[in-house]
N, C-alpha and C. Protein backbone atom coordinates (compact mmCIF):
# COMPACT_ATOMS: atom_id res chain seq x y z
N UNK A 1 -4.58 11.67 31.37
CA UNK A 1 -5.47 12.06 29.98
C UNK A 1 -5.45 11.10 28.97
N UNK A 2 -4.23 10.34 28.80
CA UNK A 2 -4.11 9.40 27.63
C UNK A 2 -5.02 8.29 27.93
N UNK A 3 -5.24 7.98 29.52
CA UNK A 3 -5.96 7.00 29.94
C UNK A 3 -7.53 7.09 29.33
N UNK A 4 -7.95 8.54 29.74
CA UNK A 4 -9.20 8.71 29.26
C UNK A 4 -9.61 8.53 27.77
N UNK A 5 -8.66 9.10 27.03
CA UNK A 5 -8.53 8.79 25.50
C UNK A 5 -8.71 7.35 24.95
N UNK A 6 -7.89 6.42 25.89
CA UNK A 6 -7.91 5.08 25.31
C UNK A 6 -9.15 4.37 25.88
N UNK A 7 -9.82 4.81 27.08
CA UNK A 7 -10.80 4.28 27.62
C UNK A 7 -12.01 4.77 26.57
N UNK A 8 -11.91 5.95 26.17
CA UNK A 8 -12.95 6.29 25.10
C UNK A 8 -12.99 5.64 24.14
N UNK A 9 -11.96 5.41 23.35
CA UNK A 9 -11.74 4.65 22.15
C UNK A 9 -12.20 3.12 22.36
N UNK A 10 -11.98 2.47 23.43
CA UNK A 10 -12.38 1.28 23.76
C UNK A 10 -13.76 1.05 24.05
N UNK A 11 -14.53 2.18 24.53
CA UNK A 11 -15.71 2.21 24.71
C UNK A 11 -16.60 2.12 23.28
N UNK A 12 -16.13 3.17 22.48
CA UNK A 12 -16.50 3.35 21.11
C UNK A 12 -16.62 1.92 20.38
N UNK A 13 -15.26 1.32 20.39
CA UNK A 13 -15.29 -0.08 19.58
C UNK A 13 -16.26 -0.93 20.31
N UNK A 14 -16.45 -0.95 21.70
CA UNK A 14 -17.08 -1.82 21.96
C UNK A 14 -18.85 -1.71 21.64
N UNK A 15 -19.05 -0.44 21.40
CA UNK A 15 -20.66 -0.09 20.91
C UNK A 15 -20.80 -0.70 19.66
N UNK A 16 -19.61 -0.53 18.71
CA UNK A 16 -19.89 -0.85 17.41
C UNK A 16 -19.44 -2.22 17.00
N UNK A 17 -20.65 -3.20 16.73
CA UNK A 17 -19.94 -4.71 16.38
C UNK A 17 -19.35 -4.50 14.84
N UNK A 18 -18.41 -5.36 14.77
CA UNK A 18 -17.69 -5.58 13.42
C UNK A 18 -18.60 -6.15 12.41
N UNK A 19 -18.48 -5.34 11.62
CA UNK A 19 -19.57 -5.80 10.37
C UNK A 19 -18.65 -6.97 9.33
N UNK A 20 -19.10 -8.00 8.67
CA UNK A 20 -18.16 -8.79 8.01
C UNK A 20 -17.39 -7.94 6.99
N UNK A 21 -17.43 -6.65 6.42
CA UNK A 21 -16.63 -6.05 5.80
C UNK A 21 -15.53 -5.67 6.87
N UNK A 22 -15.72 -5.03 7.82
CA UNK A 22 -14.72 -4.91 8.83
C UNK A 22 -13.88 -6.02 9.17
N UNK A 23 -14.43 -7.13 9.31
CA UNK A 23 -13.67 -8.30 9.78
C UNK A 23 -12.68 -8.77 8.72
N UNK A 24 -13.45 -8.30 7.43
CA UNK A 24 -12.50 -8.75 6.13
C UNK A 24 -11.28 -7.78 6.18
N UNK A 25 -11.41 -6.69 6.52
CA UNK A 25 -10.25 -5.63 6.62
C UNK A 25 -9.22 -5.95 7.54
N UNK A 26 -9.83 -6.30 8.76
CA UNK A 26 -8.83 -6.64 9.78
C UNK A 26 -8.22 -7.81 9.47
N UNK A 27 -8.67 -8.83 8.76
CA UNK A 27 -7.88 -9.96 8.22
C UNK A 27 -6.87 -9.59 7.28
N UNK A 28 -7.47 -8.66 6.04
CA UNK A 28 -6.69 -8.10 5.19
C UNK A 28 -5.25 -7.46 5.59
N UNK A 29 -5.23 -6.72 6.77
CA UNK A 29 -3.99 -5.88 7.26
C UNK A 29 -3.09 -7.26 7.64
N UNK A 30 -3.56 -8.36 8.43
CA UNK A 30 -2.57 -9.19 8.73
C UNK A 30 -2.14 -9.97 7.55
N UNK A 31 -2.74 -10.34 6.47
CA UNK A 31 -2.35 -11.06 5.28
C UNK A 31 -1.57 -9.80 4.51
N UNK A 32 -1.84 -8.71 4.35
CA UNK A 32 -1.21 -7.85 3.56
C UNK A 32 0.28 -7.54 4.32
N UNK A 33 0.26 -7.37 5.47
CA UNK A 33 1.38 -7.01 6.24
C UNK A 33 2.32 -8.27 5.90
N UNK A 34 1.91 -9.36 6.00
CA UNK A 34 2.81 -10.58 6.03
C UNK A 34 3.14 -10.70 4.41
N UNK A 35 2.63 -10.48 3.66
CA UNK A 35 2.83 -10.28 1.88
C UNK A 35 3.96 -9.18 2.05
N UNK A 36 3.69 -8.29 2.38
CA UNK A 36 4.79 -6.99 2.42
C UNK A 36 5.82 -7.28 3.00
N UNK A 37 5.90 -7.96 3.96
CA UNK A 37 7.11 -8.37 4.55
C UNK A 37 8.12 -9.06 3.41
N UNK A 38 7.32 -10.04 2.97
CA UNK A 38 8.02 -10.98 1.88
C UNK A 38 8.65 -10.13 0.35
N UNK A 39 7.52 -9.45 0.02
CA UNK A 39 8.02 -8.80 -1.19
C UNK A 39 8.69 -7.34 -0.83
N UNK A 40 8.46 -6.89 0.21
CA UNK A 40 9.60 -5.61 0.32
C UNK A 40 11.05 -5.90 0.61
N UNK A 41 11.15 -7.06 1.38
CA UNK A 41 12.34 -7.45 1.87
C UNK A 41 13.03 -7.83 0.46
N UNK A 42 12.30 -8.87 -0.17
CA UNK A 42 12.94 -9.14 -1.45
C UNK A 42 13.42 -8.11 -2.22
N UNK A 43 12.55 -6.88 -2.45
CA UNK A 43 12.73 -6.10 -3.25
C UNK A 43 14.13 -4.90 -2.62
N UNK A 44 13.91 -5.09 -1.25
CA UNK A 44 15.29 -4.34 -0.77
C UNK A 44 16.64 -5.04 -0.72
N UNK A 45 16.46 -6.45 -0.61
CA UNK A 45 17.77 -7.17 -0.95
C UNK A 45 18.16 -7.14 -2.26
N UNK A 46 17.21 -7.43 -3.50
CA UNK A 46 17.68 -7.24 -4.88
C UNK A 46 18.13 -6.09 -5.01
N UNK A 47 17.58 -4.85 -4.70
CA UNK A 47 18.24 -3.75 -5.10
C UNK A 47 19.38 -3.29 -4.56
N UNK A 48 19.44 -3.88 -3.34
CA UNK A 48 20.98 -3.45 -2.51
C UNK A 48 21.86 -4.39 -3.22
N UNK A 49 21.82 -5.61 -3.20
CA UNK A 49 22.87 -6.61 -3.47
C UNK A 49 23.00 -7.26 -4.80
N UNK A 50 21.96 -7.43 -5.61
CA UNK A 50 21.90 -8.04 -7.03
C UNK A 50 22.32 -6.76 -8.05
N UNK A 51 21.69 -5.57 -7.75
CA UNK A 51 21.94 -4.59 -8.88
C UNK A 51 23.48 -4.13 -8.69
N UNK A 52 24.24 -4.09 -9.82
CA UNK A 52 25.53 -3.73 -9.57
C UNK A 52 25.78 -2.37 -9.14
N UNK A 53 26.59 -2.17 -7.99
CA UNK A 53 26.70 -0.80 -7.55
C UNK A 53 25.73 -0.53 -6.26
N UNK A 54 24.72 -1.46 -6.14
CA UNK A 54 23.75 -1.18 -5.04
C UNK A 54 22.75 -0.29 -5.44
N UNK A 55 22.25 0.62 -4.39
CA UNK A 55 21.15 1.36 -4.57
C UNK A 55 21.81 2.86 -5.09
N UNK A 56 23.04 2.98 -4.68
CA UNK A 56 23.54 4.27 -5.41
C UNK A 56 23.69 4.20 -7.08
N UNK A 57 23.43 2.98 -7.61
CA UNK A 57 23.41 2.95 -9.07
C UNK A 57 22.06 2.87 -9.67
N UNK A 58 21.17 3.03 -9.00
CA UNK A 58 19.91 2.74 -9.40
C UNK A 58 19.49 4.34 -10.26
N UNK A 59 19.20 4.11 -11.47
CA UNK A 59 18.72 5.20 -12.27
C UNK A 59 17.79 4.91 -13.27
N UNK A 60 17.41 5.47 -14.32
CA UNK A 60 16.50 5.44 -15.39
C UNK A 60 16.88 3.92 -15.99
N UNK A 61 18.09 3.90 -16.35
CA UNK A 61 18.67 2.75 -17.10
C UNK A 61 18.75 1.37 -16.51
N UNK A 62 18.33 1.39 -15.09
CA UNK A 62 18.24 0.09 -14.36
C UNK A 62 16.70 -0.28 -14.49
N UNK A 63 15.81 0.55 -14.78
CA UNK A 63 14.43 0.33 -14.63
C UNK A 63 14.28 -0.05 -16.37
N UNK A 64 14.97 0.45 -17.02
CA UNK A 64 14.55 0.24 -18.47
C UNK A 64 15.09 -1.07 -18.80
N UNK A 65 16.45 -1.61 -18.02
CA UNK A 65 16.74 -3.02 -18.31
C UNK A 65 15.79 -3.82 -17.43
N UNK A 66 15.01 -3.56 -16.42
CA UNK A 66 14.28 -4.63 -15.72
C UNK A 66 12.86 -4.82 -16.52
N UNK A 67 12.52 -3.51 -16.64
CA UNK A 67 10.98 -3.45 -17.39
C UNK A 67 11.13 -4.10 -18.97
N UNK A 68 12.42 -3.70 -19.76
CA UNK A 68 12.49 -4.14 -20.96
C UNK A 68 12.96 -5.35 -21.37
N UNK A 69 13.37 -6.40 -20.34
CA UNK A 69 13.90 -7.50 -20.51
C UNK A 69 12.83 -8.45 -21.17
N UNK A 70 13.25 -9.02 -22.20
CA UNK A 70 12.00 -10.02 -22.98
C UNK A 70 11.68 -11.07 -22.03
N UNK A 71 12.55 -11.77 -21.35
CA UNK A 71 12.29 -12.81 -20.30
C UNK A 71 11.51 -12.38 -18.92
N UNK A 72 12.08 -11.41 -18.26
CA UNK A 72 11.61 -10.98 -16.99
C UNK A 72 11.04 -9.64 -16.83
N UNK A 73 10.80 -9.05 -17.81
CA UNK A 73 10.27 -7.66 -17.86
C UNK A 73 8.55 -7.89 -17.45
N UNK A 74 7.98 -8.78 -17.99
CA UNK A 74 6.57 -8.74 -16.98
C UNK A 74 6.54 -9.16 -15.72
N UNK A 75 7.48 -10.03 -15.49
CA UNK A 75 7.56 -10.42 -14.04
C UNK A 75 7.77 -9.11 -13.19
N UNK A 76 8.74 -8.24 -13.70
CA UNK A 76 9.22 -7.33 -12.84
C UNK A 76 8.00 -6.24 -12.83
N UNK A 77 7.32 -5.93 -13.74
CA UNK A 77 6.21 -5.24 -13.71
C UNK A 77 4.98 -5.55 -12.96
N UNK A 78 4.58 -6.79 -13.01
CA UNK A 78 3.63 -7.52 -11.88
C UNK A 78 4.06 -7.31 -10.58
N UNK A 79 5.28 -7.64 -10.37
CA UNK A 79 6.19 -7.48 -8.96
C UNK A 79 6.09 -6.06 -8.68
N UNK A 80 6.48 -5.00 -9.35
CA UNK A 80 6.35 -3.65 -8.87
C UNK A 80 4.71 -3.29 -8.74
N UNK A 81 3.97 -3.79 -9.56
CA UNK A 81 2.70 -3.39 -9.35
C UNK A 81 2.06 -3.90 -7.79
N UNK A 82 2.50 -5.25 -7.59
CA UNK A 82 1.98 -5.95 -6.30
C UNK A 82 2.44 -5.13 -4.97
N UNK A 83 3.70 -4.56 -5.40
CA UNK A 83 4.52 -3.85 -4.18
C UNK A 83 3.69 -2.56 -3.82
N UNK A 84 3.07 -1.93 -5.16
CA UNK A 84 2.47 -0.65 -5.20
C UNK A 84 1.10 -1.05 -4.18
N UNK A 85 0.26 -1.88 -4.90
CA UNK A 85 -1.03 -2.38 -4.38
C UNK A 85 -1.03 -2.94 -2.93
N UNK A 86 -0.17 -3.51 -2.57
CA UNK A 86 -0.30 -4.10 -1.39
C UNK A 86 0.23 -3.06 -0.27
N UNK A 87 1.31 -2.28 -0.57
CA UNK A 87 1.73 -1.29 0.28
C UNK A 87 0.73 -0.04 0.36
N UNK A 88 0.03 0.28 -0.67
CA UNK A 88 -0.79 1.27 -0.53
C UNK A 88 -2.13 0.90 0.09
N UNK A 89 -2.53 -0.39 -0.27
CA UNK A 89 -3.73 -0.78 0.31
C UNK A 89 -3.56 -0.94 1.87
N UNK A 90 -2.33 -1.48 2.36
CA UNK A 90 -2.32 -1.78 3.67
C UNK A 90 -2.29 -0.41 4.53
N UNK A 91 -1.83 0.65 3.86
CA UNK A 91 -1.19 1.94 4.53
C UNK A 91 -2.77 2.72 4.54
N UNK A 92 -3.58 2.50 3.28
CA UNK A 92 -4.72 3.11 3.41
C UNK A 92 -5.73 2.59 4.49
N UNK A 93 -5.63 1.19 4.50
CA UNK A 93 -6.42 0.59 5.48
C UNK A 93 -5.97 1.13 6.87
N UNK A 94 -4.82 1.50 7.26
CA UNK A 94 -4.48 1.92 8.37
C UNK A 94 -5.05 3.41 8.67
N UNK A 95 -4.81 4.12 7.73
CA UNK A 95 -5.45 5.37 7.96
C UNK A 95 -6.99 5.30 7.88
N UNK A 96 -7.74 4.49 7.23
CA UNK A 96 -9.04 4.43 7.17
C UNK A 96 -9.33 4.11 9.06
N UNK A 97 -8.57 3.01 9.32
CA UNK A 97 -8.81 2.79 10.89
C UNK A 97 -8.62 3.88 11.67
N UNK A 98 -7.60 4.85 11.63
CA UNK A 98 -7.31 6.08 12.26
C UNK A 98 -8.68 7.05 12.29
N UNK A 99 -8.97 6.88 11.13
CA UNK A 99 -10.14 7.83 10.65
C UNK A 99 -11.38 7.45 11.51
N UNK A 100 -11.79 6.07 11.27
CA UNK A 100 -12.68 5.48 12.29
C UNK A 100 -12.67 5.68 13.87
N UNK A 101 -11.50 5.57 14.33
CA UNK A 101 -11.09 5.85 15.56
C UNK A 101 -11.28 7.35 16.28
N UNK A 102 -10.66 8.21 15.33
CA UNK A 102 -10.25 9.51 15.97
C UNK A 102 -11.48 10.64 15.12
N UNK A 103 -12.04 10.34 14.27
CA UNK A 103 -12.98 11.37 13.55
C UNK A 103 -14.64 10.90 13.90
N UNK A 104 -15.15 11.63 15.01
CA UNK A 104 -16.27 11.11 15.45
C UNK A 104 -17.85 11.63 14.87
N UNK A 105 -17.75 12.65 14.39
CA UNK A 105 -18.59 13.35 13.42
C UNK A 105 -18.73 12.49 12.18
N UNK A 106 -20.37 12.09 11.98
CA UNK A 106 -20.29 11.28 10.82
C UNK A 106 -20.10 11.80 9.38
N UNK A 107 -20.22 13.00 9.33
CA UNK A 107 -20.24 13.93 8.20
C UNK A 107 -18.61 14.10 7.73
N UNK A 108 -17.87 14.36 8.79
CA UNK A 108 -16.51 14.52 8.55
C UNK A 108 -15.97 13.04 8.34
N UNK A 109 -16.42 12.11 9.02
CA UNK A 109 -15.68 10.74 8.76
C UNK A 109 -15.92 10.35 7.43
N UNK A 110 -17.40 10.45 6.86
CA UNK A 110 -17.66 10.26 5.45
C UNK A 110 -16.58 11.13 4.52
N UNK A 111 -16.45 12.32 4.71
CA UNK A 111 -15.71 13.18 3.84
C UNK A 111 -14.28 12.63 4.07
N UNK A 112 -13.61 12.37 5.11
CA UNK A 112 -12.53 11.98 5.07
C UNK A 112 -12.17 10.65 4.36
N UNK A 113 -12.85 9.67 4.59
CA UNK A 113 -12.99 8.36 4.14
C UNK A 113 -12.99 8.62 2.68
N UNK A 114 -14.05 9.34 1.86
CA UNK A 114 -14.09 9.63 0.51
C UNK A 114 -12.73 10.38 -0.02
N UNK A 115 -12.13 11.10 0.49
CA UNK A 115 -11.27 11.62 0.08
C UNK A 115 -9.89 10.60 0.07
N UNK A 116 -9.94 9.73 0.92
CA UNK A 116 -8.95 8.86 1.36
C UNK A 116 -9.26 7.88 0.00
N UNK A 117 -10.21 7.19 -0.21
CA UNK A 117 -10.72 6.45 -1.24
C UNK A 117 -10.28 6.98 -2.47
N UNK A 118 -10.55 8.31 -2.92
CA UNK A 118 -10.36 8.84 -4.27
C UNK A 118 -8.79 8.74 -4.32
N UNK A 119 -7.96 9.41 -3.43
CA UNK A 119 -6.60 9.30 -3.31
C UNK A 119 -5.81 8.04 -3.59
N UNK A 120 -6.50 7.04 -2.99
CA UNK A 120 -6.14 5.60 -3.45
C UNK A 120 -6.41 5.01 -4.77
N UNK A 121 -7.49 5.44 -5.21
CA UNK A 121 -7.71 4.93 -6.85
C UNK A 121 -6.98 5.86 -7.67
N UNK A 122 -6.73 6.97 -7.33
CA UNK A 122 -6.04 7.87 -8.32
C UNK A 122 -4.48 7.55 -8.17
N UNK A 123 -3.78 7.04 -6.99
CA UNK A 123 -2.54 6.69 -7.02
C UNK A 123 -2.45 5.11 -7.46
N UNK A 124 -3.36 4.32 -7.32
CA UNK A 124 -3.06 3.16 -8.07
C UNK A 124 -3.12 3.02 -9.57
N UNK A 125 -4.03 4.20 -9.99
CA UNK A 125 -4.36 4.21 -11.34
C UNK A 125 -2.96 4.57 -11.94
N UNK A 126 -2.48 5.78 -11.17
CA UNK A 126 -1.09 6.32 -12.04
C UNK A 126 -0.02 5.46 -11.74
N UNK A 127 -0.03 4.57 -10.90
CA UNK A 127 1.04 3.92 -10.78
C UNK A 127 0.75 2.57 -12.00
N UNK A 128 -0.45 2.28 -12.11
CA UNK A 128 -0.54 1.14 -13.05
C UNK A 128 -0.38 1.72 -14.54
N UNK A 129 -0.82 2.89 -14.75
CA UNK A 129 -0.24 3.73 -16.01
C UNK A 129 1.16 3.57 -16.36
N UNK A 130 1.81 3.99 -15.11
CA UNK A 130 3.47 4.06 -15.31
C UNK A 130 3.96 2.68 -15.64
N UNK A 131 3.53 1.76 -14.64
CA UNK A 131 4.22 0.40 -14.95
C UNK A 131 3.74 -0.25 -16.13
N UNK A 132 2.47 -0.11 -16.73
CA UNK A 132 2.29 -0.68 -17.95
C UNK A 132 2.18 -0.02 -19.05
N UNK A 133 2.32 1.23 -18.76
CA UNK A 133 2.26 1.99 -20.07
C UNK A 133 3.89 2.71 -20.39
N UNK A 134 4.48 2.11 -19.63
CA UNK A 134 5.91 2.40 -19.94
C UNK A 134 6.51 1.41 -21.24
N UNK A 135 6.95 2.37 -22.11
CA UNK A 135 7.47 1.62 -23.23
C UNK A 135 9.05 1.60 -23.52
N UNK A 136 9.74 0.67 -23.59
CA UNK A 136 11.23 0.85 -23.81
C UNK A 136 11.35 0.86 -25.00
N UNK A 137 12.25 2.08 -25.51
CA UNK A 137 12.25 2.25 -27.05
C UNK A 137 13.81 2.08 -27.27
N UNK A 138 13.93 1.44 -28.11
CA UNK A 138 15.59 1.16 -28.50
C UNK A 138 15.61 0.31 -29.66
């Protein structure tokens, strides 16, 4: 059963040549994966070992201290935005590939990808608003 599904997917992929946009997205998956490895591991190590008390001590005051710092605040906001953008873009592109592979009816594929793109844009916008709209009062 699984062999038939894999053979069917391989046949579909062979029928459709990759467009320049598809080639770009294929390359983007590799580059964004490498970038995510670097920034996510840095984020993990920083939060675990640099923050006093480790991850159990992360709360609202840690974010205030990071984003409100006059020297490093802008760096942390850009870093958090990059983590959001690369993570969400990489994951959304993976879901787009799954939609391309498993939804065969053109109308449903278009609807699925449209919903995916709308959710992607809304989440990026919400994240950017939180990151750059956050004001440290004090």
